[in-house]
Amino acid sequence: MECNVHLLKMLIRDIVAKLPEKEKALYHFIDELELRLIESAATPDQYLHLLKKYSPYHEAANHFGISPYKARTMMHRIEWKVAAKLEEKLQCMKWLEQPSNSKRVKKGYLTF
C-alpha cells in the first residue's frame, strides 16, 4: 500500500512513543543529533563528513555511559522493531470510502 509521508511519520511517532523508556530516550537522542547534522549540511557529502566527525553513536555512548558499539547495536534493534511494527500497521490499514448524500462527494476513512 502506498502511503503518505506525513502518515508514515505519524505512525512512526506513535510506535516510538510506545517503546520502553531507555529505547525511546536513545532513539530520540540519536535522531535529534542526525537531524541537526542534516540541517547544518549543505550537501550530502558534507552530511557524511559531519556524520563521521560528530558520530551520533559516539555522542549517545558518552551521554548514556555505554560503548559506541552498544549504542549502534541498540539503535539498529530499535529501528528494526519500529520497522516491523510499522509494517504490521500498514498491513492492517484500509481506506474506506463512504458515499454521502450528495452524488459528487465521497468521505474517506482510514481504519486500522
PDB file of N, CA and C in Angstrom:
ATOM      1  N   MET A   1       0.846  -1.183   0.000  1.00  0.00           N
ATOM      2  CA  MET A   1       0.000   0.000   0.000  1.00  0.00           C
ATOM      3  C   MET A   1       0.883   1.235   0.000  1.00  0.00           C
ATOM      4  N   GLU A   2       0.647   2.137  -0.945  1.00  0.00           N
ATOM      5  CA  GLU A   2       1.369   3.404  -0.944  1.00  0.00           C
ATOM      6  C   GLU A   2       0.855   4.248   0.201  1.00  0.00           C
ATOM      7  N   CYS A   3       1.743   5.016   0.787  1.00  0.00           N
ATOM      8  CA  CYS A   3       1.351   5.749   1.975  1.00  0.00           C
ATOM      9  C   CYS A   3       1.906   7.167   1.939  1.00  0.00           C
ATOM     10  N   ASN A   4       1.166   8.073   2.469  1.00  0.00           N
ATOM     11  CA  ASN A   4       1.529   9.467   2.588  1.00  0.00           C
ATOM     12  C   ASN A   4       2.697   9.609   3.574  1.00  0.00           C
ATOM     13  N   VAL A   5       3.657  10.452   3.242  1.00  0.00           N
ATOM     14  CA  VAL A   5       4.841  10.663   4.092  1.00  0.00           C
ATOM     15  C   VAL A   5       4.433  11.148   5.482  1.00  0.00           C
ATOM     16  N   HIS A   6       3.449  12.041   5.535  1.00  0.00           N
ATOM     17  CA  HIS A   6       3.007  12.570   6.830  1.00  0.00           C
ATOM     18  C   HIS A   6       2.368  11.473   7.682  1.00  0.00           C
ATOM     19  N   LEU A   7       1.620  10.590   7.041  1.00  0.00           N
ATOM     20  CA  LEU A   7       1.013   9.473   7.760  1.00  0.00           C
ATOM     21  C   LEU A   7       2.098   8.540   8.293  1.00  0.00           C
ATOM     22  N   LEU A   8       3.115   8.270   7.482  1.00  0.00           N
ATOM     23  CA  LEU A   8       4.222   7.419   7.935  1.00  0.00           C
ATOM     24  C   LEU A   8       4.917   8.026   9.151  1.00  0.00           C
ATOM     25  N   LYS A   9       5.182   9.328   9.098  1.00  0.00           N
ATOM     26  CA  LYS A   9       5.835   9.998  10.227  1.00  0.00           C
ATOM     27  C   LYS A   9       4.977   9.903  11.483  1.00  0.00           C
ATOM     28  N   MET A  10       3.663  10.080  11.311  1.00  0.00           N
ATOM     29  CA  MET A  10       2.742   9.998  12.440  1.00  0.00           C
ATOM     30  C   MET A  10       2.743   8.587  13.037  1.00  0.00           C
ATOM     31  N   LEU A  11       2.717   7.581  12.181  1.00  0.00           N
ATOM     32  CA  LEU A  11       2.738   6.198  12.659  1.00  0.00           C
ATOM     33  C   LEU A  11       4.046   5.884  13.383  1.00  0.00           C
ATOM     34  N   ILE A  12       5.162   6.353  12.838  1.00  0.00           N
ATOM     35  CA  ILE A  12       6.464   6.124  13.476  1.00  0.00           C
ATOM     36  C   ILE A  12       6.521   6.810  14.838  1.00  0.00           C
ATOM     37  N   ARG A  13       6.028   8.051  14.906  1.00  0.00           N
ATOM     38  CA  ARG A  13       5.995   8.760  16.200  1.00  0.00           C
ATOM     39  C   ARG A  13       5.193   7.969  17.230  1.00  0.00           C
ATOM     40  N   ASP A  14       4.064   7.421  16.792  1.00  0.00           N
ATOM     41  CA  ASP A  14       3.210   6.638  17.686  1.00  0.00           C
ATOM     42  C   ASP A  14       3.928   5.374  18.162  1.00  0.00           C
ATOM     43  N   ILE A  15       4.612   4.706  17.257  1.00  0.00           N
ATOM     44  CA  ILE A  15       5.347   3.481  17.606  1.00  0.00           C
ATOM     45  C   ILE A  15       6.480   3.800  18.580  1.00  0.00           C
ATOM     46  N   VAL A  16       7.235   4.854  18.295  1.00  0.00           N
ATOM     47  CA  VAL A  16       8.361   5.239  19.158  1.00  0.00           C
ATOM     48  C   VAL A  16       7.860   5.637  20.548  1.00  0.00           C
ATOM     49  N   ALA A  17       6.718   6.308  20.608  1.00  0.00           N
ATOM     50  CA  ALA A  17       6.165   6.724  21.897  1.00  0.00           C
ATOM     51  C   ALA A  17       5.838   5.529  22.790  1.00  0.00           C
ATOM     52  N   LYS A  18       5.600   4.381  22.194  1.00  0.00           N
ATOM     53  CA  LYS A  18       5.240   3.181  22.955  1.00  0.00           C
ATOM     54  C   LYS A  18       6.443   2.293  23.297  1.00  0.00           C
ATOM     55  N   LEU A  19       7.630   2.714  22.897  1.00  0.00           N
ATOM     56  CA  LEU A  19       8.842   1.950  23.223  1.00  0.00           C
ATOM     57  C   LEU A  19       9.150   2.063  24.713  1.00  0.00           C
ATOM     58  N   PRO A  20       9.902   1.103  25.266  1.00  0.00           N
ATOM     59  CA  PRO A  20      10.377   1.251  26.650  1.00  0.00           C
ATOM     60  C   PRO A  20      11.213   2.536  26.777  1.00  0.00           C
ATOM     61  N   GLU A  21      11.229   3.108  27.961  1.00  0.00           N
ATOM     62  CA  GLU A  21      11.862   4.420  28.174  1.00  0.00           C
ATOM     63  C   GLU A  21      13.315   4.488  27.699  1.00  0.00           C
ATOM     64  N   LYS A  22      14.128   3.478  28.001  1.00  0.00           N
ATOM     65  CA  LYS A  22      15.539   3.512  27.598  1.00  0.00           C
ATOM     66  C   LYS A  22      15.677   3.534  26.079  1.00  0.00           C
ATOM     67  N   GLU A  23      14.876   2.719  25.403  1.00  0.00           N
ATOM     68  CA  GLU A  23      14.927   2.674  23.939  1.00  0.00           C
ATOM     69  C   GLU A  23      14.434   3.991  23.344  1.00  0.00           C
ATOM     70  N   LYS A  24      13.369   4.512  23.916  1.00  0.00           N
ATOM     71  CA  LYS A  24      12.817   5.777  23.426  1.00  0.00           C
ATOM     72  C   LYS A  24      13.835   6.906  23.589  1.00  0.00           C
ATOM     73  N   ALA A  25      14.504   6.958  24.741  1.00  0.00           N
ATOM     74  CA  ALA A  25      15.493   8.008  25.002  1.00  0.00           C
ATOM     75  C   ALA A  25      16.654   7.919  24.013  1.00  0.00           C
ATOM     76  N   LEU A  26      17.165   6.713  23.792  1.00  0.00           N
ATOM     77  CA  LEU A  26      18.276   6.532  22.851  1.00  0.00           C
ATOM     78  C   LEU A  26      17.848   6.904  21.437  1.00  0.00           C
ATOM     79  N   TYR A  27      16.676   6.447  21.025  1.00  0.00           N
ATOM     80  CA  TYR A  27      16.165   6.734  19.679  1.00  0.00           C
ATOM     81  C   TYR A  27      16.058   8.248  19.459  1.00  0.00           C
ATOM     82  N   HIS A  28      15.421   8.938  20.415  1.00  0.00           N
ATOM     83  CA  HIS A  28      15.253  10.391  20.277  1.00  0.00           C
ATOM     84  C   HIS A  28      16.597  11.118  20.285  1.00  0.00           C
ATOM     85  N   PHE A  29      17.511  10.693  21.144  1.00  0.00           N
ATOM     86  CA  PHE A  29      18.821  11.336  21.230  1.00  0.00           C
ATOM     87  C   PHE A  29      19.558  11.241  19.896  1.00  0.00           C
ATOM     88  N   ILE A  30      19.654  10.043  19.352  1.00  0.00           N
ATOM     89  CA  ILE A  30      20.374   9.842  18.088  1.00  0.00           C
ATOM     90  C   ILE A  30      19.641  10.512  16.929  1.00  0.00           C
ATOM     91  N   ASP A  31      18.325  10.405  16.911  1.00  0.00           N
ATOM     92  CA  ASP A  31      17.528  11.019  15.846  1.00  0.00           C
ATOM     93  C   ASP A  31      17.715  12.540  15.829  1.00  0.00           C
ATOM     94  N   GLU A  32      17.691  13.160  17.005  1.00  0.00           N
ATOM     95  CA  GLU A  32      17.889  14.613  17.097  1.00  0.00           C
ATOM     96  C   GLU A  32      19.272  15.020  16.597  1.00  0.00           C
ATOM     97  N   LEU A  33      20.300  14.263  16.987  1.00  0.00           N
ATOM     98  CA  LEU A  33      21.655  14.569  16.520  1.00  0.00           C
ATOM     99  C   LEU A  33      21.742  14.464  14.996  1.00  0.00           C
ATOM    100  N   GLU A  34      21.163  13.408  14.439  1.00  0.00           N
ATOM    101  CA  GLU A  34      21.193  13.235  12.981  1.00  0.00           C
ATOM    102  C   GLU A  34      20.451  14.368  12.279  1.00  0.00           C
ATOM    103  N   LEU A  35      19.318  14.783  12.829  1.00  0.00           N
ATOM    104  CA  LEU A  35      18.567  15.891  12.227  1.00  0.00           C
ATOM    105  C   LEU A  35      19.370  17.190  12.261  1.00  0.00           C
ATOM    106  N   ARG A  36      20.063  17.440  13.371  1.00  0.00           N
ATOM    107  CA  ARG A  36      20.898  18.649  13.451  1.00  0.00           C
ATOM    108  C   ARG A  36      22.016  18.623  12.420  1.00  0.00           C
ATOM    109  N   LEU A  37      22.610  17.456  12.215  1.00  0.00           N
ATOM    110  CA  LEU A  37      23.668  17.338  11.203  1.00  0.00           C
ATOM    111  C   LEU A  37      23.100  17.552   9.803  1.00  0.00           C
ATOM    112  N   ILE A  38      21.932  17.010   9.540  1.00  0.00           N
ATOM    113  CA  ILE A  38      21.282  17.202   8.233  1.00  0.00           C
ATOM    114  C   ILE A  38      21.019  18.680   7.992  1.00  0.00           C
ATOM    115  N   GLU A  39      20.494  19.363   9.019  1.00  0.00           N
ATOM    116  CA  GLU A  39      20.172  20.787   8.878  1.00  0.00           C
ATOM    117  C   GLU A  39      21.416  21.645   8.666  1.00  0.00           C
ATOM    118  N   SER A  40      22.535  21.241   9.245  1.00  0.00           N
ATOM    119  CA  SER A  40      23.741  22.062   9.115  1.00  0.00           C
ATOM    120  C   SER A  40      24.547  21.738   7.859  1.00  0.00           C
ATOM    121  N   ALA A  41      24.228  20.654   7.186  1.00  0.00           N
ATOM    122  CA  ALA A  41      24.966  20.263   5.974  1.00  0.00           C
ATOM    123  C   ALA A  41      24.319  20.871   4.734  1.00  0.00           C
ATOM    124  N   ALA A  42      25.164  21.369   3.845  1.00  0.00           N
ATOM    125  CA  ALA A  42      24.671  21.959   2.599  1.00  0.00           C
ATOM    126  C   ALA A  42      24.528  20.914   1.491  1.00  0.00           C
ATOM    127  N   THR A  43      25.311  19.838   1.586  1.00  0.00           N
ATOM    128  CA  THR A  43      25.292  18.801   0.551  1.00  0.00           C
ATOM    129  C   THR A  43      25.300  17.419   1.214  1.00  0.00           C
ATOM    130  N   PRO A  44      24.924  16.394   0.466  1.00  0.00           N
ATOM    131  CA  PRO A  44      25.008  15.038   1.028  1.00  0.00           C
ATOM    132  C   PRO A  44      26.435  14.661   1.450  1.00  0.00           C
ATOM    133  N   ASP A  45      27.427  15.078   0.675  1.00  0.00           N
ATOM    134  CA  ASP A  45      28.821  14.790   1.036  1.00  0.00           C
ATOM    135  C   ASP A  45      29.204  15.463   2.349  1.00  0.00           C
ATOM    136  N   GLN A  46      28.754  16.694   2.509  1.00  0.00           N
ATOM    137  CA  GLN A  46      29.049  17.410   3.750  1.00  0.00           C
ATOM    138  C   GLN A  46      28.360  16.719   4.934  1.00  0.00           C
ATOM    139  N   TYR A  47      27.146  16.226   4.716  1.00  0.00           N
ATOM    140  CA  TYR A  47      26.443  15.488   5.774  1.00  0.00           C
ATOM    141  C   TYR A  47      27.241  14.250   6.188  1.00  0.00           C
ATOM    142  N   LEU A  48      27.731  13.497   5.210  1.00  0.00           N
ATOM    143  CA  LEU A  48      28.521  12.302   5.521  1.00  0.00           C
ATOM    144  C   LEU A  48      29.794  12.658   6.282  1.00  0.00           C
ATOM    145  N   HIS A  49      30.417  13.776   5.897  1.00  0.00           N
ATOM    146  CA  HIS A  49      31.613  14.242   6.601  1.00  0.00           C
ATOM    147  C   HIS A  49      31.264  14.583   8.057  1.00  0.00           C
ATOM    148  N   LEU A  50      30.166  15.306   8.258  1.00  0.00           N
ATOM    149  CA  LEU A  50      29.742  15.668   9.617  1.00  0.00           C
ATOM    150  C   LEU A  50      29.371  14.427  10.430  1.00  0.00           C
ATOM    151  N   LEU A  51      28.765  13.460   9.762  1.00  0.00           N
ATOM    152  CA  LEU A  51      28.371  12.219  10.426  1.00  0.00           C
ATOM    153  C   LEU A  51      29.602  11.471  10.948  1.00  0.00           C
ATOM    154  N   LYS A  52      30.682  11.486  10.168  1.00  0.00           N
ATOM    155  CA  LYS A  52      31.924  10.849  10.612  1.00  0.00           C
ATOM    156  C   LYS A  52      32.582  11.650  11.736  1.00  0.00           C
ATOM    157  N   LYS A  53      32.543  12.973  11.593  1.00  0.00           N
ATOM    158  CA  LYS A  53      33.203  13.846  12.567  1.00  0.00           C
ATOM    159  C   LYS A  53      32.470  13.859  13.913  1.00  0.00           C
ATOM    160  N   TYR A  54      31.143  13.940  13.861  1.00  0.00           N
ATOM    161  CA  TYR A  54      30.323  14.010  15.076  1.00  0.00           C
ATOM    162  C   TYR A  54      29.402  12.791  15.129  1.00  0.00           C
ATOM    163  N   SER A  55      29.971  11.639  15.277  1.00  0.00           N
ATOM    164  CA  SER A  55      29.208  10.388  15.248  1.00  0.00           C
ATOM    165  C   SER A  55      28.093  10.373  16.297  1.00  0.00           C
ATOM    166  N   PRO A  56      26.837  10.268  15.864  1.00  0.00           N
ATOM    167  CA  PRO A  56      25.736  10.185  16.830  1.00  0.00           C
ATOM    168  C   PRO A  56      25.872   8.994  17.782  1.00  0.00           C
ATOM    169  N   TYR A  57      26.470   7.902  17.299  1.00  0.00           N
ATOM    170  CA  TYR A  57      26.647   6.737  18.171  1.00  0.00           C
ATOM    171  C   TYR A  57      27.665   7.017  19.274  1.00  0.00           C
ATOM    172  N   HIS A  58      28.746   7.723  18.938  1.00  0.00           N
ATOM    173  CA  HIS A  58      29.733   8.081  19.959  1.00  0.00           C
ATOM    174  C   HIS A  58      29.142   9.087  20.951  1.00  0.00           C
ATOM    175  N   GLU A  59      28.398  10.051  20.429  1.00  0.00           N
ATOM    176  CA  GLU A  59      27.752  11.038  21.305  1.00  0.00           C
ATOM    177  C   GLU A  59      26.766  10.347  22.248  1.00  0.00           C
ATOM    178  N   ALA A  60      25.961   9.432  21.705  1.00  0.00           N
ATOM    179  CA  ALA A  60      24.992   8.700  22.526  1.00  0.00           C
ATOM    180  C   ALA A  60      25.711   7.832  23.554  1.00  0.00           C
ATOM    181  N   ALA A  61      26.816   7.223  23.137  1.00  0.00           N
ATOM    182  CA  ALA A  61      27.591   6.387  24.057  1.00  0.00           C
ATOM    183  C   ALA A  61      28.074   7.209  25.248  1.00  0.00           C
ATOM    184  N   ASN A  62      28.608   8.390  24.972  1.00  0.00           N
ATOM    185  CA  ASN A  62      29.067   9.272  26.055  1.00  0.00           C
ATOM    186  C   ASN A  62      27.905   9.709  26.938  1.00  0.00           C
ATOM    187  N   HIS A  63      26.801  10.049  26.326  1.00  0.00           N
ATOM    188  CA  HIS A  63      25.632  10.545  27.063  1.00  0.00           C
ATOM    189  C   HIS A  63      25.019   9.461  27.961  1.00  0.00           C
ATOM    190  N   PHE A  64      24.920   8.243  27.444  1.00  0.00           N
ATOM    191  CA  PHE A  64      24.253   7.166  28.178  1.00  0.00           C
ATOM    192  C   PHE A  64      25.219   6.236  28.926  1.00  0.00           C
ATOM    193  N   GLY A  65      26.520   6.499  28.815  1.00  0.00           N
ATOM    194  CA  GLY A  65      27.502   5.699  29.538  1.00  0.00           C
ATOM    195  C   GLY A  65      27.620   4.267  29.032  1.00  0.00           C
ATOM    196  N   ILE A  66      27.565   4.117  27.714  1.00  0.00           N
ATOM    197  CA  ILE A  66      27.707   2.797  27.089  1.00  0.00           C
ATOM    198  C   ILE A  66      28.759   2.897  25.989  1.00  0.00           C
ATOM    199  N   SER A  67      29.124   1.777  25.413  1.00  0.00           N
ATOM    200  CA  SER A  67      30.111   1.809  24.327  1.00  0.00           C
ATOM    201  C   SER A  67      29.436   2.241  23.024  1.00  0.00           C
ATOM    202  N   PRO A  68      30.206   2.828  22.096  1.00  0.00           N
ATOM    203  CA  PRO A  68      29.638   3.187  20.789  1.00  0.00           C
ATOM    204  C   PRO A  68      29.053   1.964  20.070  1.00  0.00           C
ATOM    205  N   TYR A  69      29.710   0.814  20.226  1.00  0.00           N
ATOM    206  CA  TYR A  69      29.205  -0.414  19.610  1.00  0.00           C
ATOM    207  C   TYR A  69      27.817  -0.762  20.164  1.00  0.00           C
ATOM    208  N   LYS A  70      27.676  -0.656  21.491  1.00  0.00           N
ATOM    209  CA  LYS A  70      26.382  -0.964  22.111  1.00  0.00           C
ATOM    210  C   LYS A  70      25.327   0.048  21.674  1.00  0.00           C
ATOM    211  N   ALA A  71      25.699   1.323  21.581  1.00  0.00           N
ATOM    212  CA  ALA A  71      24.747   2.350  21.127  1.00  0.00           C
ATOM    213  C   ALA A  71      24.264   2.035  19.716  1.00  0.00           C
ATOM    214  N   ARG A  72      25.207   1.677  18.839  1.00  0.00           N
ATOM    215  CA  ARG A  72      24.846   1.353  17.454  1.00  0.00           C
ATOM    216  C   ARG A  72      23.971   0.102  17.390  1.00  0.00           C
ATOM    217  N   THR A  73      24.357  -0.919  18.129  1.00  0.00           N
ATOM    218  CA  THR A  73      23.594  -2.171  18.143  1.00  0.00           C
ATOM    219  C   THR A  73      22.178  -1.946  18.674  1.00  0.00           C
ATOM    220  N   MET A  74      22.076  -1.198  19.763  1.00  0.00           N
ATOM    221  CA  MET A  74      20.754  -0.912  20.331  1.00  0.00           C
ATOM    222  C   MET A  74      19.897  -0.123  19.350  1.00  0.00           C
ATOM    223  N   MET A  75      20.508   0.870  18.704  1.00  0.00           N
ATOM    224  CA  MET A  75      19.753   1.690  17.758  1.00  0.00           C
ATOM    225  C   MET A  75      19.270   0.849  16.582  1.00  0.00           C
ATOM    226  N   HIS A  76      20.104  -0.035  16.084  1.00  0.00           N
ATOM    227  CA  HIS A  76      19.683  -0.903  14.977  1.00  0.00           C
ATOM    228  C   HIS A  76      18.524  -1.800  15.401  1.00  0.00           C
ATOM    229  N   ARG A  77      18.595  -2.341  16.606  1.00  0.00           N
ATOM    230  CA  ARG A  77      17.492  -3.178  17.107  1.00  0.00           C
ATOM    231  C   ARG A  77      16.208  -2.368  17.235  1.00  0.00           C
ATOM    232  N   ILE A  78      16.332  -1.150  17.734  1.00  0.00           N
ATOM    233  CA  ILE A  78      15.160  -0.277  17.872  1.00  0.00           C
ATOM    234  C   ILE A  78      14.573   0.019  16.496  1.00  0.00           C
ATOM    235  N   GLU A  79      15.432   0.345  15.541  1.00  0.00           N
ATOM    236  CA  GLU A  79      14.952   0.642  14.185  1.00  0.00           C
ATOM    237  C   GLU A  79      14.277  -0.570  13.558  1.00  0.00           C
ATOM    238  N   TRP A  80      14.823  -1.768  13.778  1.00  0.00           N
ATOM    239  CA  TRP A  80      14.184  -2.987  13.260  1.00  0.00           C
ATOM    240  C   TRP A  80      12.817  -3.190  13.905  1.00  0.00           C
ATOM    241  N   LYS A  81      12.749  -2.938  15.219  1.00  0.00           N
ATOM    242  CA  LYS A  81      11.485  -3.089  15.943  1.00  0.00           C
ATOM    243  C   LYS A  81      10.448  -2.094  15.410  1.00  0.00           C
ATOM    244  N   VAL A  82      10.870  -0.849  15.214  1.00  0.00           N
ATOM    245  CA  VAL A  82       9.969   0.182  14.689  1.00  0.00           C
ATOM    246  C   VAL A  82       9.517  -0.185  13.277  1.00  0.00           C
ATOM    247  N   ALA A  83      10.446  -0.642  12.443  1.00  0.00           N
ATOM    248  CA  ALA A  83      10.101  -1.025  11.065  1.00  0.00           C
ATOM    249  C   ALA A  83       9.111  -2.185  11.041  1.00  0.00           C
ATOM    250  N   ALA A  84       9.298  -3.161  11.916  1.00  0.00           N
ATOM    251  CA  ALA A  84       8.383  -4.311  11.971  1.00  0.00           C
ATOM    252  C   ALA A  84       6.992  -3.877  12.412  1.00  0.00           C
ATOM    253  N   LYS A  85       6.925  -3.018  13.425  1.00  0.00           N
ATOM    254  CA  LYS A  85       5.627  -2.517  13.900  1.00  0.00           C
ATOM    255  C   LYS A  85       4.955  -1.672  12.825  1.00  0.00           C
ATOM    256  N   LEU A  86       5.756  -0.872  12.122  1.00  0.00           N
ATOM    257  CA  LEU A  86       5.208  -0.040  11.057  1.00  0.00           C
ATOM    258  C   LEU A  86       4.628  -0.917   9.951  1.00  0.00           C
ATOM    259  N   GLU A  87       5.362  -1.929   9.555  1.00  0.00           N
ATOM    260  CA  GLU A  87       4.881  -2.853   8.520  1.00  0.00           C
ATOM    261  C   GLU A  87       3.590  -3.533   8.961  1.00  0.00           C
ATOM    262  N   GLU A  88       3.546  -3.910  10.220  1.00  0.00           N
ATOM    263  CA  GLU A  88       2.344  -4.531  10.788  1.00  0.00           C
ATOM    264  C   GLU A  88       1.147  -3.584  10.685  1.00  0.00           C
ATOM    265  N   LYS A  89       1.363  -2.322  11.064  1.00  0.00           N
ATOM    266  CA  LYS A  89       0.283  -1.331  10.998  1.00  0.00           C
ATOM    267  C   LYS A  89      -0.149  -1.087   9.559  1.00  0.00           C
ATOM    268  N   LEU A  90       0.813  -1.006   8.647  1.00  0.00           N
ATOM    269  CA  LEU A  90       0.480  -0.753   7.243  1.00  0.00           C
ATOM    270  C   LEU A  90      -0.310  -1.914   6.646  1.00  0.00           C
ATOM    271  N   GLN A  91      -0.019  -3.129   7.079  1.00  0.00           N
ATOM    272  CA  GLN A  91      -0.755  -4.292   6.588  1.00  0.00           C
ATOM    273  C   GLN A  91      -2.215  -4.265   7.055  1.00  0.00           C
ATOM    274  N   CYS A  92      -2.450  -3.651   8.204  1.00  0.00           N
ATOM    275  CA  CYS A  92      -3.803  -3.620   8.776  1.00  0.00           C
ATOM    276  C   CYS A  92      -4.628  -2.426   8.305  1.00  0.00           C
ATOM    277  N   MET A  93      -3.988  -1.485   7.619  1.00  0.00           N
ATOM    278  CA  MET A  93      -4.701  -0.273   7.204  1.00  0.00           C
ATOM    279  C   MET A  93      -5.613  -0.536   6.020  1.00  0.00           C
ATOM    280  N   LYS A  94      -6.767   0.110   6.056  1.00  0.00           N
ATOM    281  CA  LYS A  94      -7.694   0.072   4.929  1.00  0.00           C
ATOM    282  C   LYS A  94      -8.264   1.464   4.752  1.00  0.00           C
ATOM    283  N   TRP A  95      -8.445   1.846   3.519  1.00  0.00           N
ATOM    284  CA  TRP A  95      -9.083   3.116   3.215  1.00  0.00           C
ATOM    285  C   TRP A  95     -10.497   2.797   2.769  1.00  0.00           C
ATOM    286  N   LEU A  96     -11.467   3.285   3.508  1.00  0.00           N
ATOM    287  CA  LEU A  96     -12.866   3.028   3.186  1.00  0.00           C
ATOM    288  C   LEU A  96     -13.497   4.299   2.652  1.00  0.00           C
ATOM    289  N   GLU A  97     -14.199   4.192   1.558  1.00  0.00           N
ATOM    290  CA  GLU A  97     -14.926   5.337   1.028  1.00  0.00           C
ATOM    291  C   GLU A  97     -16.397   5.134   1.289  1.00  0.00           C
ATOM    292  N   GLN A  98     -17.008   6.195   1.779  1.00  0.00           N
ATOM    293  CA  GLN A  98     -18.431   6.140   2.063  1.00  0.00           C
ATOM    294  C   GLN A  98     -19.105   7.258   1.281  1.00  0.00           C
ATOM    295  N   PRO A  99     -20.014   6.903   0.389  1.00  0.00           N
ATOM    296  CA  PRO A  99     -20.700   7.948  -0.363  1.00  0.00           C
ATOM    297  C   PRO A  99     -21.588   8.762   0.571  1.00  0.00           C
ATOM    298  N   SER A 100     -21.627  10.063   0.335  1.00  0.00           N
ATOM    299  CA  SER A 100     -22.500  10.912   1.137  1.00  0.00           C
ATOM    300  C   SER A 100     -23.826  11.059   0.404  1.00  0.00           C
ATOM    301  N   ASN A 101     -24.694  11.872   0.940  1.00  0.00           N
ATOM    302  CA  ASN A 101     -25.994  12.092   0.304  1.00  0.00           C
ATOM    303  C   ASN A 101     -25.837  12.731  -1.063  1.00  0.00           C
ATOM    304  N   SER A 102     -24.833  13.573  -1.204  1.00  0.00           N
ATOM    305  CA  SER A 102     -24.559  14.202  -2.490  1.00  0.00           C
ATOM    306  C   SER A 102     -23.817  13.200  -3.364  1.00  0.00           C
ATOM    307  N   LYS A 103     -24.161  13.135  -4.625  1.00  0.00           N
ATOM    308  CA  LYS A 103     -23.540  12.151  -5.517  1.00  0.00           C
ATOM    309  C   LYS A 103     -22.090  12.500  -5.844  1.00  0.00           C
ATOM    310  N   ARG A 104     -21.689  13.743  -5.650  1.00  0.00           N
ATOM    311  CA  ARG A 104     -20.341  14.172  -6.013  1.00  0.00           C
ATOM    312  C   ARG A 104     -19.323  13.968  -4.894  1.00  0.00           C
ATOM    313  N   VAL A 105     -19.780  13.943  -3.667  1.00  0.00           N
ATOM    314  CA  VAL A 105     -18.860  13.937  -2.533  1.00  0.00           C
ATOM    315  C   VAL A 105     -18.759  12.540  -1.927  1.00  0.00           C
ATOM    316  N   LYS A 106     -17.532  12.112  -1.719  1.00  0.00           N
ATOM    317  CA  LYS A 106     -17.287  10.856  -1.012  1.00  0.00           C
ATOM    318  C   LYS A 106     -16.445  11.177   0.210  1.00  0.00           C
ATOM    319  N   LYS A 107     -16.736  10.523   1.298  1.00  0.00           N
ATOM    320  CA  LYS A 107     -15.942  10.693   2.510  1.00  0.00           C
ATOM    321  C   LYS A 107     -15.017   9.496   2.633  1.00  0.00           C
ATOM    322  N   GLY A 108     -13.781   9.746   3.011  1.00  0.00           N
ATOM    323  CA  GLY A 108     -12.824   8.657   3.184  1.00  0.00           C
ATOM    324  C   GLY A 108     -12.489   8.464   4.642  1.00  0.00           C
ATOM    325  N   TYR A 109     -12.313   7.232   5.033  1.00  0.00           N
ATOM    326  CA  TYR A 109     -11.949   6.892   6.402  1.00  0.00           C
ATOM    327  C   TYR A 109     -10.789   5.908   6.375  1.00  0.00           C
ATOM    328  N   LEU A 110      -9.832   6.165   7.199  1.00  0.00           N
ATOM    329  CA  LEU A 110      -8.692   5.265   7.322  1.00  0.00           C
ATOM    330  C   LEU A 110      -8.906   4.439   8.580  1.00  0.00           C
ATOM    331  N   THR A 111      -8.901   3.121   8.438  1.00  0.00           N
ATOM    332  CA  THR A 111      -9.110   2.262   9.599  1.00  0.00           C
ATOM    333  C   THR A 111      -7.900   1.366   9.801  1.00  0.00           C
ATOM    334  N   PHE A 112      -7.732   0.933  11.025  1.00  0.00           N
ATOM    335  CA  PHE A 112      -6.622   0.040  11.367  1.00  0.00           C
ATOM    336  C   PHE A 112      -7.189  -1.244  11.920  1.00  0.00           C
TER     337      PHE A 112
END
